Amino acid sequence: MIMKILLLEDDATLSIEIEKYFVSKNHTCHCIANGDVIESVFKNNVFDIVILDINVPGKNGIEVCSTLRNINKNIPILMLTAFGEIKDKLSAFNNGADDYLIKPFHFEELFARVNALLKRKQPEQFEADLVIGDLIISTMEMKVFRAGVEIILTPKEFKLLFILALGNGRIVSKNTISEKLWDYQVITNQNTIEVYINSLRKKIDKNSDVKLIHTKVGYGYFLKADR
């Protein structure tokens, strides 16, 4: 399969090198240097994956990521940036990024991550909704409802909830969550998972007396109606 890649990178030399690398693998790479331009290009073309630098002219990569994610919930988005702080990674993931690679990098790793993202482009699809108590997860529409009210989740929060739901009440370890939520161990600090769990818990359980997201200290998390 020939991949069509959209790249936001303002370093002209690096942009050319990335393009040449993907072309050498028989893929195409459309390069853009300004964040203000990418939305129009994205809307008027079909791409298989998007690679974004953060520090670019115009809209920065995080803003672009959020915009593109709102346009297309399923397009894989990889952040490729020199910003390596945990706050930068969390900001990217909270705005819809699927993976995060820090510069400098090896082209072979970039290529491997792109391939992995394409293979895991969407969660598993089920004909029936997943139901836990009064929680309904529509895997076809990528929507979540609690007591009939839609709950708006980020793509990563939806995927995390989906992972817990597939556990069918069993404990899901942090390592399992990390492996399924990210294609690589891009975040080795497991406190990051706690941040996502807490964010998800606020949205799912905040307004209900029946708690669904539970913690088994030292083991992991599970999803179950608890009265």
Protein backbone atom coordinates (compact mmCIF):
# COMPACT_ATOMS: atom_id res chain seq x y z
CA MET A 1 0.00 0.00 0.00
CA ILE A 2 1.28 3.46 -0.93
CA MET A 3 0.97 5.83 2.02
CA LYS A 4 0.06 9.46 1.49
CA ILE A 5 1.64 11.50 4.29
CA LEU A 6 0.97 15.09 5.29
CA LEU A 7 3.97 16.70 7.01
CA LEU A 8 4.06 20.01 8.91
CA GLU A 9 7.73 20.95 9.34
CA ASP A 10 9.30 24.41 8.98
CA ASP A 11 12.91 23.20 8.89
CA ALA A 12 13.39 23.05 5.12
CA THR A 13 16.40 20.69 5.27
CA LEU A 14 14.68 18.21 7.58
CA SER A 15 11.45 18.43 5.60
CA ILE A 16 13.29 17.51 2.39
CA GLU A 17 15.11 14.64 4.13
CA ILE A 18 11.87 13.21 5.50
CA GLU A 19 10.19 13.50 2.12
CA LYS A 20 13.13 11.79 0.39
CA TYR A 21 13.08 8.98 2.92
CA PHE A 22 9.39 8.23 2.45
CA VAL A 23 9.70 8.50 -1.33
CA SER A 24 12.55 5.98 -1.16
CA LYS A 25 10.03 3.64 0.49
CA ASN A 26 7.60 4.24 -2.41
CA HIS A 27 5.30 6.55 -0.45
CA THR A 28 4.28 10.18 -0.99
CA CYS A 29 4.85 13.07 1.39
CA HIS A 30 3.16 16.48 1.09
CA CYS A 31 5.27 19.01 3.02
CA ILE A 32 3.96 22.24 4.58
CA ALA A 33 5.94 24.79 6.59
CA ASN A 34 3.16 26.98 8.05
CA GLY A 35 0.40 25.88 10.43
CA ASP A 36 -2.09 28.34 8.97
CA VAL A 37 -2.06 26.54 5.62
CA ILE A 38 -2.42 22.92 6.63
CA GLU A 39 -6.17 22.89 7.38
CA SER A 40 -7.06 23.86 3.83
CA VAL A 41 -4.70 21.27 2.36
CA PHE A 42 -6.08 18.59 4.70
CA LYS A 43 -9.69 19.32 3.75
CA ASN A 44 -9.00 19.24 0.02
CA ASN A 45 -6.92 16.06 -0.09
CA VAL A 46 -6.99 12.53 1.29
CA PHE A 47 -4.10 11.50 3.55
CA ASP A 48 -3.34 8.30 5.42
CA ILE A 49 -1.40 9.93 8.26
CA VAL A 50 -0.34 13.37 9.53
CA ILE A 51 3.06 14.23 11.03
CA LEU A 52 3.26 17.52 12.94
CA ASP A 53 6.08 19.60 14.34
CA ILE A 54 4.96 21.81 17.25
CA ASN A 55 7.10 24.92 16.90
CA VAL A 56 6.13 26.21 13.43
CA PRO A 57 4.99 29.56 11.99
CA GLY A 58 1.27 30.32 12.16
CA LYS A 59 -0.78 27.87 14.23
CA ASN A 60 1.51 25.68 16.29
CA GLY A 61 1.41 21.91 15.96
CA ILE A 62 -0.80 21.40 19.02
CA GLU A 63 -3.44 23.78 17.66
CA VAL A 64 -3.24 22.11 14.26
CA CYS A 65 -3.58 18.68 15.86
CA SER A 66 -6.76 19.74 17.65
CA THR A 67 -8.21 21.25 14.47
CA LEU A 68 -7.47 18.20 12.32
CA ARG A 69 -8.80 15.85 14.98
CA ASN A 70 -12.11 17.74 15.00
CA ILE A 71 -12.28 17.36 11.22
CA ASN A 72 -11.36 13.66 11.19
CA LYS A 73 -11.58 11.52 14.32
CA ASN A 74 -9.76 8.56 12.78
CA ILE A 75 -6.74 10.02 10.97
CA PRO A 76 -3.51 8.92 12.72
CA ILE A 77 -1.51 11.93 13.99
CA LEU A 78 2.14 11.70 15.00
CA MET A 79 3.90 14.60 16.72
CA LEU A 80 7.54 14.99 15.64
CA THR A 81 9.16 17.66 17.80
CA ALA A 82 12.11 18.73 19.92
CA PHE A 83 9.77 19.43 22.85
CA GLY A 84 10.24 16.48 25.19
CA GLU A 85 8.74 17.59 28.50
CA ILE A 86 5.88 15.56 29.96
CA LYS A 87 3.60 18.63 29.80
CA ASP A 88 4.23 18.89 26.06
CA LYS A 89 3.39 15.22 25.55
CA LEU A 90 0.22 15.46 27.63
CA SER A 91 -0.86 18.57 25.73
CA ALA A 92 -0.36 16.74 22.44
CA PHE A 93 -2.23 13.62 23.53
CA ASN A 94 -5.07 15.66 25.06
CA ASN A 95 -5.48 17.45 21.75
CA GLY A 96 -5.79 14.26 19.74
CA ALA A 97 -2.26 13.04 18.97
CA ASP A 98 -1.77 9.27 18.68
CA ASP A 99 2.00 9.13 19.09
CA TYR A 100 4.93 11.39 19.96
CA LEU A 101 8.51 11.16 18.65
CA ILE A 102 11.23 13.46 19.95
CA LYS A 103 13.94 14.99 17.75
CA PRO A 104 16.60 13.99 16.96
CA PHE A 105 15.27 10.68 15.71
CA HIS A 106 16.17 7.78 13.44
CA PHE A 107 14.25 7.58 10.17
CA GLU A 108 13.80 3.85 10.72
CA GLU A 109 11.95 4.50 13.98
CA LEU A 110 9.79 7.18 12.37
CA PHE A 111 8.88 4.75 9.62
CA ALA A 112 8.12 1.98 12.13
CA ARG A 113 5.85 4.25 14.16
CA VAL A 114 4.00 5.42 11.06
CA ASN A 115 3.38 1.81 10.03
CA ALA A 116 2.24 0.88 13.53
CA LEU A 117 -0.20 3.79 13.66
CA LEU A 118 -1.72 2.81 10.34
CA LYS A 119 -2.21 -0.76 11.55
CA ARG A 120 -3.95 0.51 14.68
CA LYS A 121 -5.84 3.23 12.93
CA GLN A 122 -9.17 2.46 14.59
CA PRO A 123 -10.33 0.56 17.64
CA GLU A 124 -11.91 -2.82 17.02
CA GLN A 125 -15.38 -2.49 15.58
CA PHE A 126 -18.42 -4.25 17.02
CA GLU A 127 -21.89 -4.48 15.56
CA ALA A 128 -23.38 -4.07 19.05
CA ASP A 129 -22.72 -1.25 21.50
CA LEU A 130 -20.74 -1.96 24.66
CA VAL A 131 -22.97 -1.49 27.71
CA ILE A 132 -21.85 -1.26 31.35
CA GLY A 133 -24.66 -0.26 33.67
CA ASP A 134 -26.14 2.94 32.25
CA LEU A 135 -22.99 3.58 30.19
CA ILE A 136 -23.22 2.97 26.45
CA ILE A 137 -20.12 2.97 24.23
CA SER A 138 -21.00 3.23 20.55
CA THR A 139 -17.93 1.85 18.78
CA MET A 140 -19.43 2.52 15.36
CA GLU A 141 -20.13 6.21 16.00
CA MET A 142 -17.24 6.68 18.48
CA LYS A 143 -19.63 8.18 21.04
CA VAL A 144 -20.27 7.60 24.73
CA PHE A 145 -23.52 8.06 26.67
CA ARG A 146 -24.23 7.89 30.40
CA ALA A 147 -27.87 7.77 31.48
CA GLY A 148 -28.82 8.92 27.99
CA VAL A 149 -26.54 11.99 28.04
CA GLU A 150 -23.62 12.13 25.61
CA ILE A 151 -20.20 12.52 27.23
CA ILE A 152 -17.58 14.25 25.10
CA LEU A 153 -14.23 12.48 25.26
CA THR A 154 -10.89 13.11 23.59
CA PRO A 155 -9.75 10.34 21.20
CA LYS A 156 -7.29 9.05 23.82
CA GLU A 157 -9.95 9.06 26.55
CA PHE A 158 -12.32 7.15 24.27
CA LYS A 159 -9.66 4.56 23.51
CA LEU A 160 -8.82 4.21 27.22
CA LEU A 161 -12.49 3.69 28.08
CA PHE A 162 -12.75 1.16 25.25
CA ILE A 163 -9.73 -0.76 26.60
CA LEU A 164 -11.28 -0.92 30.08
CA ALA A 165 -14.65 -1.97 28.66
CA LEU A 166 -13.05 -4.87 26.77
CA GLY A 167 -11.79 -6.13 30.13
CA ASN A 168 -15.40 -7.09 30.92
CA GLY A 169 -15.00 -6.28 34.61
CA ARG A 170 -11.50 -7.72 34.90
CA ILE A 171 -8.49 -5.71 36.07
CA VAL A 172 -6.44 -4.13 33.26
CA SER A 173 -2.83 -3.45 34.26
CA LYS A 174 -1.01 -0.19 33.62
CA ASN A 175 1.41 -2.02 31.33
CA THR A 176 -1.45 -3.38 29.24
CA ILE A 177 -3.05 0.06 29.03
CA SER A 178 0.26 1.61 28.02
CA GLU A 179 0.84 -0.98 25.28
CA LYS A 180 -2.67 -0.56 23.86
CA LEU A 181 -3.03 3.20 24.31
CA TRP A 182 0.34 4.01 22.74
CA ASP A 183 2.04 2.03 20.01
CA TYR A 184 5.38 2.45 21.77
CA GLN A 185 6.39 3.22 25.33
CA VAL A 186 6.58 6.92 24.48
CA ILE A 187 5.64 7.71 28.06
CA THR A 188 7.40 5.52 30.58
CA ASN A 189 6.10 7.46 33.63
CA GLN A 190 3.03 5.50 34.70
CA ASN A 191 1.69 8.57 36.50
CA THR A 192 0.67 9.69 33.03
CA ILE A 193 -1.86 6.86 32.92
CA GLU A 194 -3.22 8.01 36.28
CA VAL A 195 -3.71 11.47 34.79
CA TYR A 196 -5.78 9.99 31.96
CA ILE A 197 -7.74 7.75 34.35
CA ASN A 198 -8.55 10.72 36.61
CA SER A 199 -9.65 12.81 33.64
CA LEU A 200 -11.85 9.98 32.36
CA ARG A 201 -13.27 9.32 35.83
CA LYS A 202 -14.33 12.97 36.19
CA LYS A 203 -16.26 12.78 32.94
CA ILE A 204 -17.78 9.33 33.41
CA ASP A 205 -18.46 9.17 37.17
CA LYS A 206 -18.66 12.79 38.33
CA ASN A 207 -22.43 13.21 38.08
CA SER A 208 -23.46 9.69 39.08
CA ASP A 209 -23.81 7.93 42.42
CA VAL A 210 -22.87 4.66 40.73
CA LYS A 211 -19.15 4.59 40.02
CA LEU A 212 -17.92 2.65 37.01
CA ILE A 213 -14.15 3.22 36.94
CA HIS A 214 -12.35 1.46 39.77
CA THR A 215 -8.72 1.14 40.91
CA LYS A 216 -7.11 -1.98 42.30
CA VAL A 217 -4.06 -0.48 44.00
CA GLY A 218 -0.87 -2.08 42.75
CA TYR A 219 -2.66 -3.98 39.97
CA GLY A 220 -4.56 -1.65 37.62
CA TYR A 221 -8.07 -0.52 36.74
CA PHE A 222 -11.41 -2.05 35.84
CA LEU A 223 -14.79 -0.94 34.58
CA LYS A 224 -17.84 -2.25 36.44
CA ALA A 225 -21.16 -0.96 37.73
CA ASP A 226 -20.77 -0.76 41.52
CA ARG A 227 -23.80 -0.12 43.68
